[in-house]
Amino acid sequence: MEVIKLDDVAPDGVRMIIDWGKMSTADSVFIPCLNVKKALKQVEAIFNRRGWKMRVHVSVESNTMGVRIWRIA
């Protein structure tokens, strides 16, 4: 079993490593997933720890369901 680290996301059970430290205001990331609620909960915890604000849009990109998250502050 793979260990999920504090800043990793795994809404569907597959670990995704995102380099949050490189994310600046107005940057966005798309997280492909079916379990949108769990993805949002995990990302919200990461953003809260960092003191960031976010904007979220559930979408289908390149025929893949997921969430696009923007850092807005």
N, C-alpha and C. Protein backbone atom coordinates (compact mmCIF):
# COMPACT_ATOMS: atom_id res chain seq x y z
N MET A 1 0.84 -1.19 0.00
CA MET A 1 0.00 0.00 0.00
C MET A 1 0.88 1.25 0.00
N GLU A 2 0.54 2.19 -0.85
CA GLU A 2 1.31 3.42 -0.97
C GLU A 2 0.89 4.41 0.10
N VAL A 3 1.85 5.13 0.65
CA VAL A 3 1.58 6.11 1.69
C VAL A 3 1.17 7.43 1.04
N ILE A 4 0.04 7.98 1.49
CA ILE A 4 -0.42 9.27 1.02
C ILE A 4 0.16 10.34 1.95
N LYS A 5 0.90 11.27 1.39
CA LYS A 5 1.52 12.33 2.18
C LYS A 5 0.53 13.47 2.37
N LEU A 6 0.83 14.35 3.30
CA LEU A 6 -0.07 15.42 3.70
C LEU A 6 -0.55 16.29 2.54
N ASP A 7 0.32 16.60 1.59
CA ASP A 7 -0.06 17.48 0.48
C ASP A 7 -0.39 16.73 -0.81
N ASP A 8 -0.49 15.42 -0.75
CA ASP A 8 -0.92 14.64 -1.90
C ASP A 8 -2.44 14.56 -1.91
N VAL A 9 -3.01 14.30 -3.07
CA VAL A 9 -4.45 14.08 -3.16
C VAL A 9 -4.68 12.69 -3.74
N ALA A 10 -5.75 12.05 -3.31
CA ALA A 10 -6.09 10.71 -3.79
C ALA A 10 -7.59 10.51 -3.69
N PRO A 11 -8.38 11.32 -4.39
CA PRO A 11 -9.83 11.23 -4.23
C PRO A 11 -10.43 9.90 -4.69
N ASP A 12 -9.80 9.25 -5.66
CA ASP A 12 -10.30 7.96 -6.14
C ASP A 12 -9.39 6.81 -5.73
N GLY A 13 -8.48 7.07 -4.78
CA GLY A 13 -7.58 6.03 -4.29
C GLY A 13 -6.26 5.96 -5.02
N VAL A 14 -6.07 6.81 -6.03
CA VAL A 14 -4.80 6.86 -6.77
C VAL A 14 -4.07 8.14 -6.35
N ARG A 15 -2.88 7.97 -5.81
CA ARG A 15 -2.11 9.10 -5.30
C ARG A 15 -1.65 10.01 -6.44
N MET A 16 -1.90 11.32 -6.28
CA MET A 16 -1.42 12.32 -7.21
C MET A 16 -0.54 13.29 -6.46
N ILE A 17 0.65 13.50 -6.97
CA ILE A 17 1.60 14.41 -6.33
C ILE A 17 1.57 15.72 -7.10
N ILE A 18 1.21 16.79 -6.42
CA ILE A 18 1.15 18.11 -7.02
C ILE A 18 2.15 18.99 -6.28
N ASP A 19 2.99 19.69 -7.03
CA ASP A 19 3.99 20.55 -6.42
C ASP A 19 3.32 21.89 -6.06
N TRP A 20 2.62 21.89 -4.93
CA TRP A 20 1.88 23.08 -4.50
C TRP A 20 2.80 24.26 -4.28
N GLY A 21 4.06 24.02 -3.91
CA GLY A 21 5.01 25.09 -3.65
C GLY A 21 5.30 25.96 -4.87
N LYS A 22 5.09 25.43 -6.05
CA LYS A 22 5.31 26.19 -7.28
C LYS A 22 4.07 26.94 -7.73
N MET A 23 2.97 26.78 -7.02
CA MET A 23 1.71 27.40 -7.42
C MET A 23 1.66 28.85 -6.96
N SER A 24 1.46 29.74 -7.93
CA SER A 24 1.33 31.17 -7.65
C SER A 24 -0.12 31.59 -7.81
N THR A 25 -0.44 32.80 -7.34
CA THR A 25 -1.78 33.34 -7.52
C THR A 25 -2.12 33.35 -9.01
N ALA A 26 -3.32 32.92 -9.35
CA ALA A 26 -3.87 32.82 -10.71
C ALA A 26 -3.48 31.52 -11.41
N ASP A 27 -2.61 30.69 -10.82
CA ASP A 27 -2.31 29.38 -11.40
C ASP A 27 -3.47 28.43 -11.13
N SER A 28 -3.58 27.41 -11.98
CA SER A 28 -4.61 26.41 -11.76
C SER A 28 -4.05 25.02 -11.99
N VAL A 29 -4.76 24.04 -11.47
CA VAL A 29 -4.41 22.65 -11.66
C VAL A 29 -5.70 21.87 -11.88
N PHE A 30 -5.65 20.89 -12.78
CA PHE A 30 -6.80 20.01 -13.02
C PHE A 30 -6.52 18.68 -12.34
N ILE A 31 -7.46 18.25 -11.52
CA ILE A 31 -7.34 16.97 -10.83
C ILE A 31 -8.40 16.04 -11.41
N PRO A 32 -7.97 15.06 -12.20
CA PRO A 32 -8.93 14.12 -12.77
C PRO A 32 -9.45 13.19 -11.68
N CYS A 33 -10.79 13.08 -11.57
CA CYS A 33 -11.36 12.22 -10.54
C CYS A 33 -12.86 12.07 -10.76
N LEU A 34 -13.40 11.04 -10.17
CA LEU A 34 -14.85 10.84 -10.13
C LEU A 34 -15.41 11.32 -8.81
N ASN A 35 -14.66 11.14 -7.74
CA ASN A 35 -15.10 11.53 -6.41
C ASN A 35 -14.74 13.00 -6.17
N VAL A 36 -15.55 13.87 -6.77
CA VAL A 36 -15.30 15.31 -6.73
C VAL A 36 -15.36 15.84 -5.30
N LYS A 37 -16.31 15.39 -4.51
CA LYS A 37 -16.43 15.88 -3.13
C LYS A 37 -15.18 15.59 -2.32
N LYS A 38 -14.63 14.39 -2.47
CA LYS A 38 -13.42 14.03 -1.73
C LYS A 38 -12.23 14.85 -2.21
N ALA A 39 -12.13 15.07 -3.52
CA ALA A 39 -11.05 15.90 -4.07
C ALA A 39 -11.11 17.30 -3.48
N LEU A 40 -12.30 17.88 -3.46
CA LEU A 40 -12.46 19.23 -2.93
C LEU A 40 -12.10 19.29 -1.45
N LYS A 41 -12.49 18.29 -0.70
CA LYS A 41 -12.18 18.24 0.73
C LYS A 41 -10.67 18.17 0.95
N GLN A 42 -9.99 17.34 0.16
CA GLN A 42 -8.54 17.21 0.31
C GLN A 42 -7.82 18.50 -0.08
N VAL A 43 -8.22 19.10 -1.20
CA VAL A 43 -7.57 20.33 -1.66
C VAL A 43 -7.88 21.49 -0.70
N GLU A 44 -9.09 21.54 -0.20
CA GLU A 44 -9.45 22.59 0.75
C GLU A 44 -8.55 22.53 1.99
N ALA A 45 -8.26 21.34 2.47
CA ALA A 45 -7.38 21.18 3.63
C ALA A 45 -5.97 21.68 3.32
N ILE A 46 -5.49 21.38 2.12
CA ILE A 46 -4.16 21.84 1.71
C ILE A 46 -4.12 23.36 1.63
N PHE A 47 -5.13 23.94 1.00
CA PHE A 47 -5.18 25.40 0.84
C PHE A 47 -5.32 26.09 2.20
N ASN A 48 -6.11 25.54 3.08
CA ASN A 48 -6.26 26.12 4.42
C ASN A 48 -4.95 26.10 5.19
N ARG A 49 -4.20 25.00 5.10
CA ARG A 49 -2.90 24.92 5.78
C ARG A 49 -1.94 25.98 5.26
N ARG A 50 -2.03 26.30 3.98
CA ARG A 50 -1.13 27.26 3.37
C ARG A 50 -1.65 28.70 3.45
N GLY A 51 -2.89 28.87 3.91
CA GLY A 51 -3.47 30.20 4.01
C GLY A 51 -3.87 30.77 2.66
N TRP A 52 -4.18 29.91 1.71
CA TRP A 52 -4.55 30.31 0.35
C TRP A 52 -6.06 30.27 0.18
N LYS A 53 -6.55 31.00 -0.80
CA LYS A 53 -7.96 30.93 -1.19
C LYS A 53 -8.03 30.30 -2.58
N MET A 54 -9.17 29.67 -2.88
CA MET A 54 -9.28 28.99 -4.15
C MET A 54 -10.63 29.21 -4.81
N ARG A 55 -10.63 28.99 -6.10
CA ARG A 55 -11.85 28.96 -6.89
C ARG A 55 -11.88 27.60 -7.55
N VAL A 56 -13.06 26.97 -7.57
CA VAL A 56 -13.18 25.60 -8.05
C VAL A 56 -14.24 25.51 -9.14
N HIS A 57 -13.96 24.68 -10.13
CA HIS A 57 -14.94 24.41 -11.18
C HIS A 57 -14.89 22.92 -11.52
N VAL A 58 -16.01 22.24 -11.33
CA VAL A 58 -16.11 20.83 -11.73
C VAL A 58 -16.29 20.81 -13.24
N SER A 59 -15.46 20.03 -13.92
CA SER A 59 -15.51 20.06 -15.38
C SER A 59 -15.07 18.74 -16.00
N VAL A 60 -15.29 18.67 -17.30
CA VAL A 60 -14.77 17.57 -18.10
C VAL A 60 -13.77 18.18 -19.08
N GLU A 61 -12.52 17.73 -18.99
CA GLU A 61 -11.47 18.23 -19.86
C GLU A 61 -10.83 17.05 -20.58
N SER A 62 -10.75 17.13 -21.89
CA SER A 62 -10.21 16.03 -22.71
C SER A 62 -10.91 14.71 -22.39
N ASN A 63 -12.22 14.79 -22.28
CA ASN A 63 -13.07 13.62 -21.99
C ASN A 63 -12.80 13.00 -20.62
N THR A 64 -12.26 13.79 -19.68
CA THR A 64 -11.96 13.29 -18.35
C THR A 64 -12.64 14.18 -17.32
N MET A 65 -13.42 13.54 -16.43
CA MET A 65 -14.11 14.26 -15.35
C MET A 65 -13.11 14.63 -14.27
N GLY A 66 -13.33 15.79 -13.66
CA GLY A 66 -12.46 16.21 -12.56
C GLY A 66 -12.79 17.59 -12.07
N VAL A 67 -11.86 18.18 -11.35
CA VAL A 67 -12.03 19.54 -10.84
C VAL A 67 -10.83 20.38 -11.23
N ARG A 68 -11.09 21.60 -11.65
CA ARG A 68 -10.02 22.58 -11.90
C ARG A 68 -10.04 23.53 -10.73
N ILE A 69 -8.87 23.74 -10.15
CA ILE A 69 -8.73 24.57 -8.96
C ILE A 69 -7.76 25.70 -9.27
N TRP A 70 -8.18 26.93 -8.99
CA TRP A 70 -7.34 28.11 -9.16
C TRP A 70 -6.95 28.63 -7.80
N ARG A 71 -5.72 29.04 -7.66
CA ARG A 71 -5.30 29.78 -6.47
C ARG A 71 -5.61 31.24 -6.73
N ILE A 72 -6.47 31.83 -5.91
CA ILE A 72 -6.87 33.23 -6.14
C ILE A 72 -6.26 34.20 -5.14
N ALA A 73 -5.66 33.71 -4.09
CA ALA A 73 -4.98 34.58 -3.12
C ALA A 73 -4.08 33.75 -2.23
